[in-house]
Protein backbone atom coordinates (compact mmCIF):
# COMPACT_ATOMS: atom_id res chain seq x y z
CA MET A 1 3.64 5.98 28.12
CA PRO A 2 4.84 9.38 29.28
CA ASN A 3 2.56 12.38 29.04
CA ALA A 4 3.28 16.10 29.05
CA GLY A 5 2.99 16.24 32.84
CA ASP A 6 5.91 13.81 33.27
CA GLY A 7 8.49 16.41 32.29
CA VAL A 8 9.13 14.61 29.00
CA GLU A 9 9.36 16.96 26.06
CA LYS A 10 7.06 15.99 23.22
CA ARG A 11 8.57 16.02 19.77
CA PRO A 12 6.77 15.66 16.48
CA LEU A 13 6.73 12.22 14.90
CA SER A 14 8.81 12.16 11.73
CA ILE A 15 7.04 11.18 8.54
CA GLU A 16 9.58 8.38 8.07
CA ALA A 17 8.84 6.87 11.48
CA ALA A 18 5.10 7.19 10.95
CA MET A 19 5.20 5.56 7.52
CA THR A 20 7.48 2.76 8.75
CA GLY A 21 5.00 2.02 11.52
CA VAL A 22 2.03 2.01 9.15
CA LEU A 23 3.85 -0.18 6.66
CA ALA A 24 4.84 -2.63 9.40
CA LEU A 25 1.18 -2.97 10.41
CA LEU A 26 0.12 -3.53 6.80
CA VAL A 27 2.86 -6.13 6.30
CA ASP A 28 1.74 -7.97 9.43
CA ALA A 29 -1.89 -7.98 8.25
CA ARG A 30 -0.86 -9.26 4.81
CA GLU A 31 1.35 -11.99 6.26
CA ARG A 32 -1.55 -13.20 8.40
CA ALA A 33 -3.98 -13.10 5.48
CA ILE A 34 -1.77 -15.13 3.13
CA SER A 35 -0.37 -17.57 5.68
CA ASP A 36 -2.28 -20.50 4.13
CA GLU A 37 -1.81 -19.49 0.49
CA LYS A 38 1.12 -21.33 -1.06
CA ASN A 39 1.16 -19.43 -4.37
CA ALA A 40 0.88 -15.92 -2.97
CA PRO A 41 3.93 -13.79 -3.72
CA LYS A 42 6.16 -13.16 -0.73
CA THR A 43 5.79 -9.78 0.87
CA GLU A 44 9.53 -9.27 0.55
CA VAL A 45 9.33 -9.71 -3.23
CA LEU A 46 6.46 -7.23 -3.53
CA LEU A 47 8.27 -4.61 -1.47
CA SER A 48 11.48 -5.15 -3.43
CA GLY A 49 9.54 -4.74 -6.67
CA ALA A 50 8.21 -1.45 -5.33
CA GLY A 51 11.79 -0.25 -4.99
CA MET A 52 12.45 -0.78 -1.29
CA ALA A 53 15.98 -1.67 -0.19
CA ILE A 54 16.62 -4.98 1.55
CA GLU A 55 17.56 -3.15 4.77
CA ASP A 56 14.23 -1.32 4.79
CA ILE A 57 12.27 -4.48 4.02
CA ALA A 58 14.01 -6.22 6.91
CA THR A 59 13.03 -3.35 9.19
CA VAL A 60 9.33 -3.37 8.32
CA THR A 61 9.00 -7.16 8.23
CA GLY A 62 11.02 -7.77 11.37
CA LYS A 63 13.14 -10.33 9.52
CA LYS A 64 16.90 -10.62 9.21
CA TYR A 65 18.68 -9.09 6.24
CA ASP A 66 19.87 -12.45 4.89
CA ALA A 67 16.40 -13.99 5.18
CA VAL A 68 14.91 -11.11 3.21
CA ARG A 69 17.65 -11.31 0.58
CA MET A 70 17.06 -15.04 0.11
CA ALA A 71 13.27 -14.64 -0.06
CA ILE A 72 13.69 -12.05 -2.80
CA ARG A 73 16.16 -14.20 -4.71
CA ARG A 74 13.90 -17.24 -4.51
CA GLY A 75 10.81 -15.23 -5.40
CA LYS A 76 12.41 -13.78 -8.49
CA ALA A 77 13.61 -17.22 -9.59
CA LYS A 78 10.02 -18.51 -9.85
């Protein structure tokens, strides 16, 4: 990781990048915690219900757009 002495200019971290990183960590922790629970709602469904777009959910979960879209569709059909 570069430091100030490497001639790399530091720039402030955007709030969007910071929040995306935090959310990705929380999603990962939740996915690990519910991995054995069959009736737990999918993370994708919860994030969609909170108003997140499929593209954003795919970004924070590390899943493909179509996989997220299908998970949401299936979760809402239950």
